N, C-alpha and C. Protein backbone atom coordinates (compact mmCIF):
# COMPACT_ATOMS: atom_id res chain seq x y z
N MET A 1 16.11 112.64 -209.96
CA MET A 1 17.24 111.92 -210.50
C MET A 1 17.28 110.53 -209.86
N ASP A 2 17.44 109.50 -210.71
CA ASP A 2 17.52 108.12 -210.23
C ASP A 2 18.86 107.87 -209.59
N GLU A 3 18.80 107.16 -208.45
CA GLU A 3 20.05 106.81 -207.78
C GLU A 3 20.52 105.46 -208.29
N VAL A 4 21.80 105.36 -208.55
CA VAL A 4 22.39 104.12 -209.03
C VAL A 4 23.30 103.58 -207.94
N MET A 5 23.15 102.28 -207.66
CA MET A 5 24.00 101.66 -206.64
C MET A 5 25.31 101.23 -207.28
N THR A 6 26.38 101.68 -206.71
CA THR A 6 27.69 101.31 -207.23
C THR A 6 28.13 99.99 -206.62
N THR A 7 29.18 99.43 -207.15
CA THR A 7 29.73 98.18 -206.63
C THR A 7 30.19 98.36 -205.19
N ALA A 8 30.75 99.51 -204.89
CA ALA A 8 31.20 99.78 -203.51
C ALA A 8 30.01 99.84 -202.56
N ASP A 9 28.91 100.47 -203.02
CA ASP A 9 27.70 100.53 -202.19
C ASP A 9 27.14 99.14 -201.95
N ALA A 10 27.12 98.31 -202.99
CA ALA A 10 26.61 96.95 -202.86
C ALA A 10 27.47 96.13 -201.90
N ALA A 11 28.78 96.32 -201.99
CA ALA A 11 29.69 95.59 -201.09
C ALA A 11 29.48 96.02 -199.64
N THR A 12 29.30 97.33 -199.42
CA THR A 12 29.05 97.84 -198.07
C THR A 12 27.73 97.29 -197.54
N LEU A 13 26.71 97.29 -198.39
CA LEU A 13 25.41 96.75 -197.99
C LEU A 13 25.52 95.26 -197.67
N GLY A 14 26.27 94.52 -198.47
CA GLY A 14 26.47 93.09 -198.23
C GLY A 14 27.18 92.83 -196.92
N ARG A 15 28.23 93.64 -196.62
CA ARG A 15 28.95 93.48 -195.36
C ARG A 15 28.03 93.79 -194.17
N ALA A 16 27.18 94.79 -194.31
CA ALA A 16 26.26 95.15 -193.23
C ALA A 16 25.26 94.02 -193.00
N ALA A 17 24.74 93.43 -194.08
CA ALA A 17 23.79 92.33 -193.94
C ALA A 17 24.46 91.12 -193.31
N LEU A 18 25.70 90.83 -193.71
CA LEU A 18 26.44 89.72 -193.13
C LEU A 18 26.69 89.94 -191.65
N SER A 19 27.05 91.16 -191.29
CA SER A 19 27.29 91.49 -189.89
C SER A 19 26.02 91.31 -189.06
N MET A 20 24.87 91.75 -189.60
CA MET A 20 23.60 91.60 -188.88
C MET A 20 23.26 90.12 -188.72
N ALA A 21 23.49 89.31 -189.76
CA ALA A 21 23.20 87.88 -189.68
C ALA A 21 24.09 87.20 -188.66
N GLN A 22 25.38 87.59 -188.62
CA GLN A 22 26.30 87.00 -187.64
C GLN A 22 25.90 87.38 -186.22
N THR A 23 25.47 88.63 -186.03
CA THR A 23 25.03 89.07 -184.71
C THR A 23 23.80 88.29 -184.27
N ALA A 24 22.84 88.11 -185.20
CA ALA A 24 21.62 87.38 -184.87
C ALA A 24 21.93 85.92 -184.55
N SER A 25 22.80 85.29 -185.35
CA SER A 25 23.10 83.88 -185.09
C SER A 25 23.88 83.70 -183.80
N SER A 26 24.77 84.63 -183.48
CA SER A 26 25.50 84.49 -182.22
C SER A 26 24.58 84.71 -181.03
N ALA A 27 23.56 85.56 -181.19
CA ALA A 27 22.60 85.75 -180.11
C ALA A 27 21.78 84.49 -179.88
N LEU A 28 21.46 83.76 -180.95
CA LEU A 28 20.71 82.53 -180.81
C LEU A 28 21.55 81.41 -180.22
N LEU A 29 22.82 81.37 -180.56
CA LEU A 29 23.67 80.26 -180.14
C LEU A 29 24.37 80.49 -178.81
N THR A 30 24.34 81.71 -178.29
CA THR A 30 24.99 82.02 -177.03
C THR A 30 24.01 81.76 -175.89
N PRO A 31 24.40 80.94 -174.92
CA PRO A 31 23.50 80.72 -173.79
C PRO A 31 23.26 82.02 -173.04
N PRO A 32 22.06 82.17 -172.48
CA PRO A 32 21.76 83.41 -171.78
C PRO A 32 22.59 83.54 -170.51
N LYS A 33 22.94 84.77 -170.19
CA LYS A 33 23.69 85.04 -168.95
C LYS A 33 22.68 85.21 -167.82
N PRO A 34 23.01 84.70 -166.65
CA PRO A 34 22.09 84.87 -165.52
C PRO A 34 21.88 86.35 -165.26
N SER A 35 20.63 86.69 -165.02
CA SER A 35 20.29 88.08 -164.80
C SER A 35 19.80 88.27 -163.38
N SER A 36 20.11 89.42 -162.83
CA SER A 36 19.62 89.70 -161.48
C SER A 36 18.13 90.01 -161.52
N ASP A 37 17.64 90.45 -162.68
CA ASP A 37 16.22 90.74 -162.84
C ASP A 37 15.53 89.51 -163.41
N SER A 38 14.79 88.78 -162.59
CA SER A 38 14.18 87.54 -163.03
C SER A 38 13.00 87.77 -163.96
N SER A 39 12.52 89.01 -164.09
CA SER A 39 11.37 89.25 -164.96
C SER A 39 11.78 89.44 -166.41
N SER A 40 13.07 89.64 -166.69
CA SER A 40 13.49 89.83 -168.07
C SER A 40 13.64 88.48 -168.75
N PRO A 41 13.15 88.37 -170.01
CA PRO A 41 13.23 87.10 -170.71
C PRO A 41 14.67 86.81 -171.13
N PRO A 42 15.02 85.53 -171.29
CA PRO A 42 16.37 85.20 -171.73
C PRO A 42 16.59 85.68 -173.16
N SER A 43 17.85 86.01 -173.48
CA SER A 43 18.15 86.50 -174.81
C SER A 43 18.18 85.37 -175.83
N SER A 44 18.29 84.13 -175.39
CA SER A 44 18.36 83.00 -176.30
C SER A 44 17.33 81.97 -175.86
N LEU A 45 16.39 81.65 -176.73
CA LEU A 45 15.33 80.74 -176.37
C LEU A 45 15.67 79.30 -176.74
N LEU A 46 16.06 79.05 -177.96
CA LEU A 46 16.18 77.70 -178.46
C LEU A 46 17.32 76.88 -177.86
N PRO A 47 18.58 77.31 -177.94
CA PRO A 47 19.65 76.42 -177.49
C PRO A 47 19.62 76.07 -176.01
N SER A 48 19.10 76.94 -175.17
CA SER A 48 19.12 76.65 -173.75
C SER A 48 17.84 75.99 -173.27
N ASN A 49 16.87 75.82 -174.14
CA ASN A 49 15.59 75.25 -173.75
C ASN A 49 15.55 73.77 -174.13
N LEU A 50 16.08 72.94 -173.26
CA LEU A 50 16.18 71.51 -173.53
C LEU A 50 14.82 70.86 -173.80
N PRO A 51 13.75 71.17 -173.05
CA PRO A 51 12.47 70.55 -173.37
C PRO A 51 11.96 70.89 -174.78
N LEU A 52 12.16 72.11 -175.21
CA LEU A 52 11.72 72.51 -176.54
C LEU A 52 12.50 71.76 -177.62
N ILE A 53 13.81 71.71 -177.48
CA ILE A 53 14.65 71.00 -178.44
C ILE A 53 14.29 69.52 -178.45
N THR A 54 14.07 68.95 -177.29
CA THR A 54 13.72 67.53 -177.17
C THR A 54 12.41 67.23 -177.87
N ALA A 55 11.41 68.09 -177.68
CA ALA A 55 10.11 67.89 -178.32
C ALA A 55 10.23 67.95 -179.84
N PHE A 56 10.96 68.94 -180.36
CA PHE A 56 11.15 69.04 -181.81
C PHE A 56 11.91 67.83 -182.36
N LEU A 57 12.91 67.39 -181.64
CA LEU A 57 13.69 66.23 -182.08
C LEU A 57 12.83 64.97 -182.10
N ALA A 58 12.01 64.77 -181.08
CA ALA A 58 11.13 63.60 -181.03
C ALA A 58 10.14 63.63 -182.18
N PHE A 59 9.60 64.82 -182.48
CA PHE A 59 8.68 64.96 -183.61
C PHE A 59 9.37 64.58 -184.92
N ALA A 60 10.55 65.16 -185.15
CA ALA A 60 11.28 64.90 -186.40
C ALA A 60 11.65 63.42 -186.52
N LEU A 61 12.09 62.81 -185.44
CA LEU A 61 12.46 61.40 -185.46
C LEU A 61 11.24 60.52 -185.75
N ALA A 62 10.11 60.82 -185.12
CA ALA A 62 8.90 60.03 -185.36
C ALA A 62 8.45 60.15 -186.82
N GLN A 63 8.50 61.36 -187.36
CA GLN A 63 8.11 61.54 -188.76
C GLN A 63 9.07 60.78 -189.68
N PHE A 64 10.36 60.81 -189.38
CA PHE A 64 11.35 60.10 -190.19
C PHE A 64 11.12 58.59 -190.11
N LEU A 65 10.81 58.08 -188.93
CA LEU A 65 10.60 56.64 -188.76
C LEU A 65 9.38 56.15 -189.53
N LYS A 66 8.44 57.05 -189.83
CA LYS A 66 7.26 56.65 -190.60
C LYS A 66 7.63 56.16 -191.99
N LEU A 67 8.73 56.66 -192.54
CA LEU A 67 9.20 56.15 -193.83
C LEU A 67 9.46 54.65 -193.76
N PHE A 68 10.13 54.23 -192.69
CA PHE A 68 10.52 52.83 -192.56
C PHE A 68 9.34 51.94 -192.16
N THR A 69 8.45 52.45 -191.31
CA THR A 69 7.29 51.64 -190.94
C THR A 69 6.34 51.48 -192.13
N THR A 70 6.26 52.50 -192.98
CA THR A 70 5.44 52.38 -194.19
C THR A 70 6.06 51.35 -195.13
N TRP A 71 7.38 51.38 -195.27
CA TRP A 71 8.04 50.41 -196.14
C TRP A 71 7.85 48.99 -195.59
N PHE A 72 7.98 48.84 -194.28
CA PHE A 72 7.84 47.53 -193.67
C PHE A 72 6.43 46.98 -193.87
N LYS A 73 5.43 47.85 -193.76
CA LYS A 73 4.03 47.42 -193.86
C LYS A 73 3.58 47.26 -195.31
N GLU A 74 3.94 48.23 -196.16
CA GLU A 74 3.42 48.26 -197.53
C GLU A 74 4.45 47.89 -198.59
N LYS A 75 5.68 47.66 -198.19
CA LYS A 75 6.78 47.32 -199.10
C LYS A 75 6.97 48.37 -200.20
N ARG A 76 6.83 49.64 -199.82
CA ARG A 76 7.08 50.73 -200.76
C ARG A 76 7.53 51.95 -199.96
N TRP A 77 8.36 52.78 -200.60
CA TRP A 77 8.82 54.02 -199.98
C TRP A 77 7.82 55.11 -200.32
N ASP A 78 7.38 55.85 -199.33
CA ASP A 78 6.44 56.94 -199.55
C ASP A 78 6.94 58.16 -198.78
N SER A 79 7.59 59.07 -199.51
CA SER A 79 8.19 60.23 -198.85
C SER A 79 7.14 61.18 -198.27
N LYS A 80 5.90 61.08 -198.73
CA LYS A 80 4.84 61.94 -198.17
C LYS A 80 4.55 61.62 -196.71
N ARG A 81 4.94 60.44 -196.28
CA ARG A 81 4.70 60.06 -194.88
C ARG A 81 5.48 60.94 -193.92
N MET A 82 6.54 61.60 -194.42
CA MET A 82 7.34 62.49 -193.56
C MET A 82 6.55 63.71 -193.12
N VAL A 83 5.51 64.08 -193.85
CA VAL A 83 4.74 65.28 -193.50
C VAL A 83 3.28 64.98 -193.20
N ASP A 84 2.86 63.73 -193.32
CA ASP A 84 1.47 63.37 -193.04
C ASP A 84 1.25 63.09 -191.56
N SER A 85 0.01 63.27 -191.15
CA SER A 85 -0.36 62.86 -189.80
C SER A 85 -0.82 61.42 -189.86
N GLY A 86 -0.96 60.79 -188.72
CA GLY A 86 -1.36 59.40 -188.68
C GLY A 86 -0.19 58.48 -188.95
N GLY A 87 -0.37 57.20 -188.68
CA GLY A 87 0.66 56.22 -188.95
C GLY A 87 1.53 55.91 -187.74
N MET A 88 2.49 55.03 -187.96
CA MET A 88 3.35 54.51 -186.89
C MET A 88 4.73 55.12 -186.98
N PRO A 89 5.29 55.63 -185.93
CA PRO A 89 4.72 55.91 -184.60
C PRO A 89 4.00 57.25 -184.60
N SER A 90 3.23 57.49 -183.57
CA SER A 90 2.52 58.76 -183.44
C SER A 90 3.50 59.88 -183.11
N SER A 91 3.64 60.82 -184.04
CA SER A 91 4.54 61.95 -183.77
C SER A 91 3.91 62.90 -182.76
N HIS A 92 2.57 62.94 -182.72
CA HIS A 92 1.91 63.76 -181.70
C HIS A 92 2.27 63.24 -180.31
N SER A 93 2.13 61.94 -180.14
CA SER A 93 2.44 61.31 -178.86
C SER A 93 3.91 61.45 -178.50
N ALA A 94 4.79 61.25 -179.48
CA ALA A 94 6.23 61.37 -179.23
C ALA A 94 6.58 62.79 -178.80
N THR A 95 5.99 63.78 -179.45
CA THR A 95 6.30 65.18 -179.15
C THR A 95 5.89 65.57 -177.74
N VAL A 96 4.63 65.31 -177.39
CA VAL A 96 4.15 65.76 -176.08
C VAL A 96 4.74 64.93 -174.95
N THR A 97 5.03 63.66 -175.20
CA THR A 97 5.65 62.84 -174.17
C THR A 97 7.10 63.27 -173.94
N ALA A 98 7.81 63.56 -175.03
CA ALA A 98 9.19 64.05 -174.90
C ALA A 98 9.21 65.37 -174.14
N LEU A 99 8.26 66.25 -174.44
CA LEU A 99 8.19 67.53 -173.74
C LEU A 99 7.95 67.32 -172.25
N ALA A 100 6.96 66.50 -171.90
CA ALA A 100 6.65 66.26 -170.49
C ALA A 100 7.82 65.59 -169.77
N MET A 101 8.42 64.61 -170.41
CA MET A 101 9.54 63.89 -169.79
C MET A 101 10.74 64.82 -169.60
N ALA A 102 11.03 65.64 -170.61
CA ALA A 102 12.17 66.57 -170.50
C ALA A 102 11.95 67.59 -169.39
N ILE A 103 10.72 68.07 -169.27
CA ILE A 103 10.41 69.02 -168.19
C ILE A 103 10.54 68.32 -166.84
N GLY A 104 10.03 67.08 -166.75
CA GLY A 104 10.15 66.33 -165.51
C GLY A 104 11.59 66.07 -165.11
N LEU A 105 12.42 65.73 -166.09
CA LEU A 105 13.84 65.48 -165.80
C LEU A 105 14.59 66.75 -165.44
N GLN A 106 14.19 67.86 -166.05
CA GLN A 106 14.89 69.13 -165.80
C GLN A 106 14.40 69.83 -164.54
N ASP A 107 13.09 69.95 -164.38
CA ASP A 107 12.52 70.74 -163.29
C ASP A 107 11.97 69.90 -162.14
N GLY A 108 11.86 68.60 -162.35
CA GLY A 108 11.28 67.74 -161.33
C GLY A 108 9.80 67.51 -161.60
N THR A 109 9.31 66.40 -161.08
CA THR A 109 7.91 66.04 -161.34
C THR A 109 6.94 66.84 -160.48
N GLY A 110 7.45 67.60 -159.54
CA GLY A 110 6.58 68.43 -158.71
C GLY A 110 6.37 69.83 -159.25
N SER A 111 6.98 70.15 -160.38
CA SER A 111 6.87 71.51 -160.92
C SER A 111 5.54 71.72 -161.64
N PRO A 112 5.03 72.95 -161.61
CA PRO A 112 3.80 73.25 -162.34
C PRO A 112 3.94 73.01 -163.85
N ALA A 113 5.11 73.27 -164.40
CA ALA A 113 5.32 73.06 -165.84
C ALA A 113 5.16 71.58 -166.19
N PHE A 114 5.64 70.69 -165.32
CA PHE A 114 5.49 69.26 -165.56
C PHE A 114 4.01 68.87 -165.52
N ALA A 115 3.28 69.40 -164.56
CA ALA A 115 1.85 69.10 -164.46
C ALA A 115 1.11 69.53 -165.72
N ILE A 116 1.41 70.72 -166.20
CA ILE A 116 0.77 71.22 -167.42
C ILE A 116 1.13 70.33 -168.61
N ALA A 117 2.40 69.96 -168.72
CA ALA A 117 2.84 69.13 -169.84
C ALA A 117 2.20 67.75 -169.82
N VAL A 118 2.03 67.17 -168.64
CA VAL A 118 1.41 65.84 -168.54
C VAL A 118 -0.06 65.92 -168.94
N ILE A 119 -0.78 66.93 -168.47
CA ILE A 119 -2.19 67.09 -168.85
C ILE A 119 -2.31 67.30 -170.35
N LEU A 120 -1.46 68.15 -170.92
CA LEU A 120 -1.45 68.38 -172.36
C LEU A 120 -1.17 67.07 -173.11
N ALA A 121 -0.21 66.30 -172.63
CA ALA A 121 0.13 65.03 -173.28
C ALA A 121 -1.06 64.07 -173.25
N CYS A 122 -1.73 63.99 -172.13
CA CYS A 122 -2.90 63.10 -172.03
C CYS A 122 -4.00 63.51 -173.00
N ILE A 123 -4.26 64.80 -173.09
CA ILE A 123 -5.30 65.28 -174.00
C ILE A 123 -4.93 64.99 -175.45
N VAL A 124 -3.69 65.28 -175.83
CA VAL A 124 -3.25 65.07 -177.21
C VAL A 124 -3.29 63.59 -177.57
N MET A 125 -2.81 62.72 -176.67
CA MET A 125 -2.78 61.29 -176.97
C MET A 125 -4.20 60.71 -177.03
N TYR A 126 -5.09 61.18 -176.16
CA TYR A 126 -6.47 60.73 -176.21
C TYR A 126 -7.11 61.16 -177.53
N ASP A 127 -6.87 62.40 -177.92
CA ASP A 127 -7.43 62.91 -179.16
C ASP A 127 -6.89 62.14 -180.36
N ALA A 128 -5.59 61.84 -180.37
CA ALA A 128 -4.98 61.15 -181.51
C ALA A 128 -5.52 59.73 -181.67
N SER A 129 -5.73 59.04 -180.54
CA SER A 129 -6.17 57.65 -180.63
C SER A 129 -7.68 57.50 -180.59
N GLY A 130 -8.38 58.53 -180.26
CA GLY A 130 -9.83 58.42 -180.17
C GLY A 130 -10.53 59.20 -181.26
N ILE A 131 -10.63 60.48 -181.05
CA ILE A 131 -11.43 61.33 -181.92
C ILE A 131 -10.90 61.35 -183.35
N ARG A 132 -9.59 61.58 -183.52
CA ARG A 132 -9.04 61.67 -184.87
C ARG A 132 -9.05 60.31 -185.57
N LEU A 133 -8.89 59.23 -184.83
CA LEU A 133 -8.95 57.90 -185.43
C LEU A 133 -10.35 57.65 -185.98
N HIS A 134 -11.37 58.01 -185.21
CA HIS A 134 -12.74 57.81 -185.67
C HIS A 134 -13.10 58.76 -186.81
N ALA A 135 -12.55 59.95 -186.81
CA ALA A 135 -12.77 60.87 -187.94
C ALA A 135 -12.18 60.28 -189.22
N GLY A 136 -11.04 59.63 -189.12
CA GLY A 136 -10.44 58.97 -190.28
C GLY A 136 -11.29 57.82 -190.78
N ARG A 137 -11.87 57.07 -189.87
CA ARG A 137 -12.75 55.96 -190.27
C ARG A 137 -14.02 56.49 -190.93
N GLN A 138 -14.55 57.60 -190.43
CA GLN A 138 -15.71 58.22 -191.07
C GLN A 138 -15.36 58.70 -192.47
N ALA A 139 -14.19 59.28 -192.63
CA ALA A 139 -13.75 59.73 -193.95
C ALA A 139 -13.66 58.55 -194.92
N GLU A 140 -13.18 57.41 -194.44
CA GLU A 140 -13.08 56.22 -195.28
C GLU A 140 -14.46 55.77 -195.74
N LEU A 141 -15.43 55.76 -194.83
CA LEU A 141 -16.79 55.37 -195.20
C LEU A 141 -17.42 56.36 -196.17
N LEU A 142 -17.23 57.65 -195.92
CA LEU A 142 -17.78 58.66 -196.83
C LEU A 142 -17.16 58.54 -198.22
N ASN A 143 -15.88 58.26 -198.29
CA ASN A 143 -15.24 58.08 -199.60
C ASN A 143 -15.82 56.88 -200.34
N GLN A 144 -16.12 55.80 -199.61
CA GLN A 144 -16.73 54.62 -200.24
C GLN A 144 -18.11 54.95 -200.77
N ILE A 145 -18.88 55.71 -199.99
CA ILE A 145 -20.22 56.10 -200.42
C ILE A 145 -20.16 56.94 -201.69
N VAL A 146 -19.26 57.92 -201.71
CA VAL A 146 -19.14 58.81 -202.87
C VAL A 146 -18.71 58.03 -204.11
N CYS A 147 -17.85 57.02 -203.94
CA CYS A 147 -17.41 56.20 -205.08
C CYS A 147 -18.56 55.42 -205.71
N GLU A 148 -19.60 55.14 -204.93
CA GLU A 148 -20.74 54.38 -205.45
C GLU A 148 -21.76 55.27 -206.15
N PHE A 149 -21.60 56.58 -206.10
CA PHE A 149 -22.52 57.48 -206.81
C PHE A 149 -22.35 57.31 -208.31
N PRO A 150 -23.43 57.48 -209.07
CA PRO A 150 -23.29 57.46 -210.53
C PRO A 150 -22.51 58.70 -210.99
N PRO A 151 -21.85 58.63 -212.15
CA PRO A 151 -21.02 59.75 -212.61
C PRO A 151 -21.76 61.08 -212.75
N GLU A 152 -23.06 61.04 -213.01
CA GLU A 152 -23.82 62.28 -213.18
C GLU A 152 -24.22 62.94 -211.85
N HIS A 153 -24.00 62.25 -210.75
CA HIS A 153 -24.34 62.82 -209.44
C HIS A 153 -23.41 63.99 -209.14
N PRO A 154 -23.95 65.09 -208.55
CA PRO A 154 -23.10 66.26 -208.30
C PRO A 154 -21.93 66.00 -207.34
N LEU A 155 -22.05 65.04 -206.46
CA LEU A 155 -20.97 64.76 -205.51
C LEU A 155 -19.97 63.72 -206.01
N SER A 156 -20.20 63.15 -207.18
CA SER A 156 -19.30 62.10 -207.66
C SER A 156 -17.91 62.63 -208.01
N SER A 157 -17.80 63.92 -208.26
CA SER A 157 -16.49 64.49 -208.62
C SER A 157 -15.80 65.16 -207.44
N VAL A 158 -16.33 64.99 -206.24
CA VAL A 158 -15.73 65.58 -205.04
C VAL A 158 -14.41 64.87 -204.74
N ARG A 159 -13.41 65.66 -204.39
CA ARG A 159 -12.10 65.09 -204.04
C ARG A 159 -12.25 64.23 -202.78
N PRO A 160 -11.64 63.05 -202.74
CA PRO A 160 -11.76 62.18 -201.56
C PRO A 160 -11.19 62.83 -200.30
N LEU A 161 -11.80 62.50 -199.18
CA LEU A 161 -11.33 62.99 -197.89
C LEU A 161 -10.08 62.22 -197.46
N ARG A 162 -9.23 62.88 -196.67
CA ARG A 162 -8.06 62.19 -196.11
C ARG A 162 -8.53 61.18 -195.08
N GLU A 163 -8.03 59.97 -195.20
CA GLU A 163 -8.47 58.90 -194.31
C GLU A 163 -7.51 58.63 -193.16
N LEU A 164 -6.24 58.90 -193.37
CA LEU A 164 -5.25 58.61 -192.33
C LEU A 164 -5.07 59.84 -191.45
N LEU A 165 -5.93 59.97 -190.45
CA LEU A 165 -5.92 61.15 -189.58
C LEU A 165 -5.40 60.83 -188.19
N GLY A 166 -5.84 59.73 -187.64
CA GLY A 166 -5.51 59.42 -186.25
C GLY A 166 -4.56 58.25 -186.12
N HIS A 167 -4.50 57.73 -184.91
CA HIS A 167 -3.58 56.64 -184.58
C HIS A 167 -4.32 55.56 -183.83
N THR A 168 -3.84 54.34 -183.98
CA THR A 168 -4.33 53.26 -183.14
C THR A 168 -3.69 53.43 -181.76
N PRO A 169 -4.28 52.85 -180.73
CA PRO A 169 -3.66 52.95 -179.41
C PRO A 169 -2.21 52.44 -179.39
N PHE A 170 -1.91 51.40 -180.17
CA PHE A 170 -0.54 50.88 -180.22
C PHE A 170 0.42 51.93 -180.80
N GLN A 171 0.00 52.64 -181.84
CA GLN A 171 0.84 53.68 -182.43
C GLN A 171 1.09 54.81 -181.43
N VAL A 172 0.08 55.13 -180.63
CA VAL A 172 0.23 56.17 -179.60
C VAL A 172 1.21 55.72 -178.53
N VAL A 173 1.11 54.47 -178.10
CA VAL A 173 2.03 53.95 -177.08
C VAL A 173 3.46 53.94 -177.60
N VAL A 174 3.66 53.51 -178.83
CA VAL A 174 5.01 53.49 -179.41
C VAL A 174 5.56 54.91 -179.52
N GLY A 175 4.72 55.86 -179.93
CA GLY A 175 5.15 57.26 -179.98
C GLY A 175 5.53 57.78 -178.60
N GLY A 176 4.76 57.39 -177.58
CA GLY A 176 5.07 57.80 -176.21
C GLY A 176 6.39 57.23 -175.73
N ILE A 177 6.64 55.97 -176.04
CA ILE A 177 7.91 55.36 -175.66
C ILE A 177 9.07 56.05 -176.37
N LEU A 178 8.88 56.35 -177.66
CA LEU A 178 9.91 57.06 -178.41
C LEU A 178 10.20 58.42 -177.78
N GLY A 179 9.15 59.15 -177.39
CA GLY A 179 9.33 60.45 -176.75
C GLY A 179 10.10 60.35 -175.45
N CYS A 180 9.80 59.33 -174.64
CA CYS A 180 10.53 59.12 -173.38
C CYS A 180 12.00 58.82 -173.64
N ILE A 181 12.27 57.99 -174.64
CA ILE A 181 13.66 57.64 -174.96
C ILE A 181 14.43 58.87 -175.43
N VAL A 182 13.81 59.66 -176.31
CA VAL A 182 14.48 60.87 -176.81
C VAL A 182 14.78 61.82 -175.66
N ALA A 183 13.82 62.02 -174.76
CA ALA A 183 14.03 62.93 -173.63
C ALA A 183 15.15 62.42 -172.72
N TYR A 184 15.16 61.13 -172.46
CA TYR A 184 16.20 60.56 -171.60
C TYR A 184 17.58 60.70 -172.23
N VAL A 185 17.68 60.40 -173.52
CA VAL A 185 18.97 60.50 -174.22
C VAL A 185 19.43 61.96 -174.27
N MET A 186 18.52 62.87 -174.58
CA MET A 186 18.88 64.29 -174.65
C MET A 186 19.35 64.80 -173.29
N ARG A 187 18.69 64.37 -172.24
CA ARG A 187 19.06 64.82 -170.90
C ARG A 187 20.45 64.31 -170.51
N ASN A 188 20.76 63.08 -170.91
CA ASN A 188 22.04 62.48 -170.54
C ASN A 188 23.19 62.86 -171.46
N THR A 189 22.91 63.49 -172.60
CA THR A 189 23.98 63.94 -173.49
C THR A 189 24.22 65.43 -173.37
N LYS A 190 23.51 66.08 -172.50
CA LYS A 190 23.63 67.54 -172.32
C LYS A 190 24.98 67.93 -171.82
């Protein structure tokens, strides 16, 4: 026999789902209580983790600012810049610098977490301004070569490679400064 859900059953199910959602959201928004057992993880990760929030905010702000730097440079609005890599400022640099700075401000520059974050930031910024920048330049050259192929060539119909992959050193520095500013502001508004 097929079971039919009544309106009362649906309402009960809806109230249960709402109650579970409220419980989950209150667990996320409630700061963790100090525990005598230091090995147990905190019940709330995001709201009490200032470095994590700072890094995400720096990333989002850098991506948003790319809209305006694209307009300033090319005199056109390009909403795709909000999700693309490359361009001014470097969101990679802003993210890792904000993370390192927030950890340094919170835990001190002598902490192991700060050391790890600084090394990670150096690697990411070097990669963004070096390796990925050169990969983008290679993609640009390969696209030019493919465009010169005759139409009957098997590679003439290949989709062009993405050219805007990396950052110039100036874009990396601006992203790093943005990350430091975001971390400083977040620390002082806490």
